[in-house]
Amino acid sequence: MVKHINNSFLVVVISALLIGLSKFDPPSRISVFTLLFALFYLALRLKTYLDDFAFFKAARLDTPNFKVGFVLAIISWCVWALSGYMIYKSDSLISLFLLGISISVSTIWIIAEGLRQGASKEQYSWIIMNALYVTLLWSIHGFRELLPEWTKLLLMICLLILLCLDFHLSKSFKKLELPD
């Protein structure tokens, strides 16, 4: 059942982003920054979906730690969906902040899981990458008044490069090859 919930939330998160993007009136008001953020948002959600997909295949679903972690996952996914929906507000700056909250909640889940069984190399990588994502997202949000547009774009490109590195290090697509 948890796999189905993971699948459903992937659809919810993508739908929320599409609804948020549809609220731009006219659509030509969507900035390059917002489009890059939407790309980052979707690609990061795909990566976390693939990582969660593999995790759920191997996880012991009956433990109290898993249940607490799964509640954190649902909270994270709900905030992620709200982030997507809010992309039309203030040139996506609210959305950046909310995505940072979502990633932070996910990171708490990773840390809790790592404390229970001893953190793996992969979990350390996720924690570091998530901390970098949140730092960059909240830097853009927090310094929005001080940063020129080109700096915001540069930071968003840094996020995309970091995400590409994260995909490579975590081998997220290879995890789909695991047997059911």
C-alpha atoms as a PDB file:
ATOM      1  CA  MET A   1       0.000   0.000   0.000  1.00  0.00           C
ATOM      2  CA  VAL A   2       2.835   2.440   0.767  1.00  0.00           C
ATOM      3  CA  LYS A   3       4.046   2.098  -2.835  1.00  0.00           C
ATOM      4  CA  HIS A   4       0.591   3.132  -4.056  1.00  0.00           C
ATOM      5  CA  ILE A   5       0.571   6.114  -1.716  1.00  0.00           C
ATOM      6  CA  ASN A   6       4.037   7.092  -3.012  1.00  0.00           C
ATOM      7  CA  ASN A   7       2.724   6.799  -6.593  1.00  0.00           C
ATOM      8  CA  SER A   8      -0.369   8.838  -5.743  1.00  0.00           C
ATOM      9  CA  PHE A   9       1.596  11.635  -4.132  1.00  0.00           C
ATOM     10  CA  LEU A  10       3.848  11.838  -7.190  1.00  0.00           C
ATOM     11  CA  VAL A  11       0.713  12.563  -9.236  1.00  0.00           C
ATOM     12  CA  VAL A  12      -0.593  15.006  -6.607  1.00  0.00           C
ATOM     13  CA  VAL A  13       2.704  16.939  -6.499  1.00  0.00           C
ATOM     14  CA  ILE A  14       2.966  17.177 -10.291  1.00  0.00           C
ATOM     15  CA  SER A  15      -0.699  18.179 -10.566  1.00  0.00           C
ATOM     16  CA  ALA A  16      -0.252  20.879  -7.919  1.00  0.00           C
ATOM     17  CA  LEU A  17       2.653  22.349  -9.883  1.00  0.00           C
ATOM     18  CA  LEU A  18       0.666  22.327 -13.128  1.00  0.00           C
ATOM     19  CA  ILE A  19      -2.271  24.027 -11.402  1.00  0.00           C
ATOM     20  CA  GLY A  20       0.084  26.623  -9.915  1.00  0.00           C
ATOM     21  CA  LEU A  21       1.639  27.309 -13.318  1.00  0.00           C
ATOM     22  CA  SER A  22      -1.829  27.612 -14.885  1.00  0.00           C
ATOM     23  CA  LYS A  23      -2.623  30.482 -12.483  1.00  0.00           C
ATOM     24  CA  PHE A  24      -0.200  32.793 -14.297  1.00  0.00           C
ATOM     25  CA  ASP A  25      -2.343  35.186 -16.291  1.00  0.00           C
ATOM     26  CA  PRO A  26      -1.215  35.572 -18.993  1.00  0.00           C
ATOM     27  CA  PRO A  27       1.124  32.551 -19.215  1.00  0.00           C
ATOM     28  CA  SER A  28       3.789  34.810 -20.727  1.00  0.00           C
ATOM     29  CA  ARG A  29       4.275  36.270 -17.217  1.00  0.00           C
ATOM     30  CA  ILE A  30       6.138  33.113 -16.190  1.00  0.00           C
ATOM     31  CA  SER A  31       9.773  34.124 -15.756  1.00  0.00           C
ATOM     32  CA  VAL A  32      12.826  32.100 -16.757  1.00  0.00           C
ATOM     33  CA  PHE A  33      13.609  31.784 -13.048  1.00  0.00           C
ATOM     34  CA  THR A  34      10.188  30.235 -12.381  1.00  0.00           C
ATOM     35  CA  LEU A  35      10.579  27.824 -15.296  1.00  0.00           C
ATOM     36  CA  LEU A  36      13.997  26.729 -13.998  1.00  0.00           C
ATOM     37  CA  PHE A  37      12.533  26.311 -10.532  1.00  0.00           C
ATOM     38  CA  ALA A  38       9.659  24.229 -11.953  1.00  0.00           C
ATOM     39  CA  LEU A  39      12.212  22.015 -13.726  1.00  0.00           C
ATOM     40  CA  PHE A  40      14.188  21.614 -10.492  1.00  0.00           C
ATOM     41  CA  TYR A  41      10.974  20.945  -8.543  1.00  0.00           C
ATOM     42  CA  LEU A  42       9.851  18.192 -10.936  1.00  0.00           C
ATOM     43  CA  ALA A  43      13.265  16.562 -11.313  1.00  0.00           C
ATOM     44  CA  LEU A  44      13.891  16.536  -7.553  1.00  0.00           C
ATOM     45  CA  ARG A  45      10.456  15.032  -6.915  1.00  0.00           C
ATOM     46  CA  LEU A  46      11.166  12.343  -9.517  1.00  0.00           C
ATOM     47  CA  LYS A  47      14.497  11.585  -7.832  1.00  0.00           C
ATOM     48  CA  THR A  48      12.954  11.345  -4.361  1.00  0.00           C
ATOM     49  CA  TYR A  49      10.118   9.235  -5.759  1.00  0.00           C
ATOM     50  CA  LEU A  50      12.623   6.758  -7.221  1.00  0.00           C
ATOM     51  CA  ASP A  51      14.635   6.680  -3.994  1.00  0.00           C
ATOM     52  CA  ASP A  52      11.465   6.158  -1.928  1.00  0.00           C
ATOM     53  CA  PHE A  53      10.288   3.467  -4.366  1.00  0.00           C
ATOM     54  CA  ALA A  54      13.477   1.489  -3.735  1.00  0.00           C
ATOM     55  CA  PHE A  55      13.346   2.147   0.013  1.00  0.00           C
ATOM     56  CA  PHE A  56       9.777   0.863   0.310  1.00  0.00           C
ATOM     57  CA  LYS A  57      10.716  -2.378  -1.463  1.00  0.00           C
ATOM     58  CA  ALA A  58      13.295  -3.197   1.199  1.00  0.00           C
ATOM     59  CA  ALA A  59      11.754  -1.557   4.285  1.00  0.00           C
ATOM     60  CA  ARG A  60      10.183  -3.384   7.171  1.00  0.00           C
ATOM     61  CA  LEU A  61       6.775  -1.732   7.078  1.00  0.00           C
ATOM     62  CA  ASP A  62       5.550  -3.030  10.432  1.00  0.00           C
ATOM     63  CA  THR A  63       8.020  -1.201  12.678  1.00  0.00           C
ATOM     64  CA  PRO A  64       7.081   1.885  14.713  1.00  0.00           C
ATOM     65  CA  ASN A  65      10.063   3.751  13.202  1.00  0.00           C
ATOM     66  CA  PHE A  66       8.788   3.101   9.702  1.00  0.00           C
ATOM     67  CA  LYS A  67       5.301   4.300  10.632  1.00  0.00           C
ATOM     68  CA  VAL A  68       6.653   7.546  12.111  1.00  0.00           C
ATOM     69  CA  GLY A  69       8.894   7.984   9.076  1.00  0.00           C
ATOM     70  CA  PHE A  70       5.992   7.391   6.717  1.00  0.00           C
ATOM     71  CA  VAL A  71       3.918  10.054   8.485  1.00  0.00           C
ATOM     72  CA  LEU A  72       6.865  12.440   7.988  1.00  0.00           C
ATOM     73  CA  ALA A  73       6.959  11.439   4.318  1.00  0.00           C
ATOM     74  CA  ILE A  74       3.262  12.249   3.903  1.00  0.00           C
ATOM     75  CA  ILE A  75       3.739  15.618   5.629  1.00  0.00           C
ATOM     76  CA  SER A  76       6.697  16.326   3.344  1.00  0.00           C
ATOM     77  CA  TRP A  77       4.721  15.387   0.230  1.00  0.00           C
ATOM     78  CA  CYS A  78       1.765  17.565   1.284  1.00  0.00           C
ATOM     79  CA  VAL A  79       4.047  20.571   1.780  1.00  0.00           C
ATOM     80  CA  TRP A  80       5.724  19.732  -1.547  1.00  0.00           C
ATOM     81  CA  ALA A  81       2.327  19.847  -3.264  1.00  0.00           C
ATOM     82  CA  LEU A  82       1.520  23.183  -1.590  1.00  0.00           C
ATOM     83  CA  SER A  83       4.871  24.466  -2.836  1.00  0.00           C
ATOM     84  CA  GLY A  84       3.933  23.547  -6.388  1.00  0.00           C
ATOM     85  CA  TYR A  85       0.537  25.140  -6.135  1.00  0.00           C
ATOM     86  CA  MET A  86       2.021  28.377  -4.745  1.00  0.00           C
ATOM     87  CA  ILE A  87       4.526  28.780  -7.598  1.00  0.00           C
ATOM     88  CA  TYR A  88       2.471  31.617  -9.077  1.00  0.00           C
ATOM     89  CA  LYS A  89       2.857  33.771  -5.935  1.00  0.00           C
ATOM     90  CA  SER A  90       5.641  36.372  -5.883  1.00  0.00           C
ATOM     91  CA  ASP A  91       7.583  34.836  -8.774  1.00  0.00           C
ATOM     92  CA  SER A  92       7.761  31.465  -6.984  1.00  0.00           C
ATOM     93  CA  LEU A  93       9.551  32.755  -3.864  1.00  0.00           C
ATOM     94  CA  ILE A  94       6.919  31.339  -1.482  1.00  0.00           C
ATOM     95  CA  SER A  95       7.197  28.072  -3.359  1.00  0.00           C
ATOM     96  CA  LEU A  96      10.981  28.019  -2.804  1.00  0.00           C
ATOM     97  CA  PHE A  97      10.514  28.449   0.937  1.00  0.00           C
ATOM     98  CA  LEU A  98       7.860  25.708   1.136  1.00  0.00           C
ATOM     99  CA  LEU A  99       9.996  23.309  -0.881  1.00  0.00           C
ATOM    100  CA  GLY A 100      12.805  23.934   1.600  1.00  0.00           C
ATOM    101  CA  ILE A 101      10.445  22.992   4.443  1.00  0.00           C
ATOM    102  CA  SER A 102       9.424  19.836   2.599  1.00  0.00           C
ATOM    103  CA  ILE A 103      13.043  18.808   2.020  1.00  0.00           C
ATOM    104  CA  SER A 104      13.821  19.547   5.689  1.00  0.00           C
ATOM    105  CA  VAL A 105      11.007  17.242   6.847  1.00  0.00           C
ATOM    106  CA  SER A 106      12.296  14.536   4.480  1.00  0.00           C
ATOM    107  CA  THR A 107      15.766  14.990   5.928  1.00  0.00           C
ATOM    108  CA  ILE A 108      14.418  14.451   9.450  1.00  0.00           C
ATOM    109  CA  TRP A 109      12.948  11.174   8.181  1.00  0.00           C
ATOM    110  CA  ILE A 110      16.332  10.149   6.723  1.00  0.00           C
ATOM    111  CA  ILE A 111      18.126  11.031   9.966  1.00  0.00           C
ATOM    112  CA  ALA A 112      15.574   9.142  12.077  1.00  0.00           C
ATOM    113  CA  GLU A 113      15.903   6.079   9.865  1.00  0.00           C
ATOM    114  CA  GLY A 114      19.701   6.326   9.976  1.00  0.00           C
ATOM    115  CA  LEU A 115      19.726   6.570  13.766  1.00  0.00           C
ATOM    116  CA  ARG A 116      17.609   3.447  14.017  1.00  0.00           C
ATOM    117  CA  GLN A 117      19.792   1.205  11.907  1.00  0.00           C
ATOM    118  CA  GLY A 118      23.024   3.134  11.437  1.00  0.00           C
ATOM    119  CA  ALA A 119      23.228   5.562   8.547  1.00  0.00           C
ATOM    120  CA  SER A 120      24.387   4.236   5.205  1.00  0.00           C
ATOM    121  CA  LYS A 121      26.720   6.020   2.800  1.00  0.00           C
ATOM    122  CA  GLU A 122      23.677   6.790   0.664  1.00  0.00           C
ATOM    123  CA  GLN A 123      21.826   8.356   3.604  1.00  0.00           C
ATOM    124  CA  TYR A 124      24.803  10.583   4.408  1.00  0.00           C
ATOM    125  CA  SER A 125      24.807  11.685   0.776  1.00  0.00           C
ATOM    126  CA  TRP A 126      21.065  12.461   0.905  1.00  0.00           C
ATOM    127  CA  ILE A 127      21.475  14.468   4.109  1.00  0.00           C
ATOM    128  CA  ILE A 128      24.324  16.527   2.647  1.00  0.00           C
ATOM    129  CA  MET A 129      22.542  17.121  -0.664  1.00  0.00           C
ATOM    130  CA  ASN A 130      19.292  18.041   1.089  1.00  0.00           C
ATOM    131  CA  ALA A 131      21.150  20.507   3.306  1.00  0.00           C
ATOM    132  CA  LEU A 132      22.663  22.096   0.190  1.00  0.00           C
ATOM    133  CA  TYR A 133      19.274  22.256  -1.539  1.00  0.00           C
ATOM    134  CA  VAL A 134      17.644  23.912   1.462  1.00  0.00           C
ATOM    135  CA  THR A 135      20.537  26.332   1.904  1.00  0.00           C
ATOM    136  CA  LEU A 136      20.340  27.472  -1.720  1.00  0.00           C
ATOM    137  CA  LEU A 137      16.534  27.625  -1.805  1.00  0.00           C
ATOM    138  CA  TRP A 138      16.319  29.602   1.415  1.00  0.00           C
ATOM    139  CA  SER A 139      19.215  31.852   0.366  1.00  0.00           C
ATOM    140  CA  ILE A 140      17.312  32.825  -2.758  1.00  0.00           C
ATOM    141  CA  HIS A 141      14.163  33.341  -0.697  1.00  0.00           C
ATOM    142  CA  GLY A 142      15.824  35.130   2.211  1.00  0.00           C
ATOM    143  CA  PHE A 143      17.951  37.501   0.135  1.00  0.00           C
ATOM    144  CA  ARG A 144      15.332  38.086  -2.575  1.00  0.00           C
ATOM    145  CA  GLU A 145      15.425  41.850  -2.096  1.00  0.00           C
ATOM    146  CA  LEU A 146      19.219  42.028  -2.266  1.00  0.00           C
ATOM    147  CA  LEU A 147      19.947  39.590  -5.088  1.00  0.00           C
ATOM    148  CA  PRO A 148      19.941  40.806  -8.677  1.00  0.00           C
ATOM    149  CA  GLU A 149      17.944  38.640 -11.074  1.00  0.00           C
ATOM    150  CA  TRP A 150      21.069  37.154 -12.674  1.00  0.00           C
ATOM    151  CA  THR A 151      22.280  35.949  -9.250  1.00  0.00           C
ATOM    152  CA  LYS A 152      18.962  34.221  -8.587  1.00  0.00           C
ATOM    153  CA  LEU A 153      19.240  32.548 -11.987  1.00  0.00           C
ATOM    154  CA  LEU A 154      22.811  31.491 -11.250  1.00  0.00           C
ATOM    155  CA  LEU A 155      21.770  29.982  -7.905  1.00  0.00           C
ATOM    156  CA  MET A 156      18.919  28.142  -9.615  1.00  0.00           C
ATOM    157  CA  ILE A 157      21.361  26.750 -12.177  1.00  0.00           C
ATOM    158  CA  CYS A 158      23.585  25.660  -9.272  1.00  0.00           C
ATOM    159  CA  LEU A 159      20.589  23.798  -7.828  1.00  0.00           C
ATOM    160  CA  LEU A 160      20.046  22.017 -11.149  1.00  0.00           C
ATOM    161  CA  ILE A 161      23.733  21.053 -11.391  1.00  0.00           C
ATOM    162  CA  LEU A 162      23.658  19.812  -7.809  1.00  0.00           C
ATOM    163  CA  LEU A 163      20.579  17.749  -8.641  1.00  0.00           C
ATOM    164  CA  CYS A 164      22.337  16.180 -11.632  1.00  0.00           C
ATOM    165  CA  LEU A 165      25.209  15.238  -9.329  1.00  0.00           C
ATOM    166  CA  ASP A 166      22.704  13.839  -6.831  1.00  0.00           C
ATOM    167  CA  PHE A 167      21.065  11.684  -9.534  1.00  0.00           C
ATOM    168  CA  HIS A 168      24.491  10.378 -10.503  1.00  0.00           C
ATOM    169  CA  LEU A 169      25.665   9.639  -6.953  1.00  0.00           C
ATOM    170  CA  SER A 170      22.463   8.003  -5.761  1.00  0.00           C
ATOM    171  CA  LYS A 171      21.903   5.982  -8.952  1.00  0.00           C
ATOM    172  CA  SER A 172      18.170   6.570  -8.582  1.00  0.00           C
ATOM    173  CA  PHE A 173      17.203   5.159 -11.992  1.00  0.00           C
ATOM    174  CA  LYS A 174      19.093   1.900 -11.394  1.00  0.00           C
ATOM    175  CA  LYS A 175      16.930   1.262  -8.357  1.00  0.00           C
ATOM    176  CA  LEU A 176      13.969   0.596 -10.645  1.00  0.00           C
ATOM    177  CA  GLU A 177      15.677  -2.610 -11.726  1.00  0.00           C
ATOM    178  CA  LEU A 178      15.280  -4.162  -8.287  1.00  0.00           C
ATOM    179  CA  PRO A 179      13.011  -7.214  -8.311  1.00  0.00           C
ATOM    180  CA  ASP A 180       9.596  -6.899  -6.653  1.00  0.00           C
END
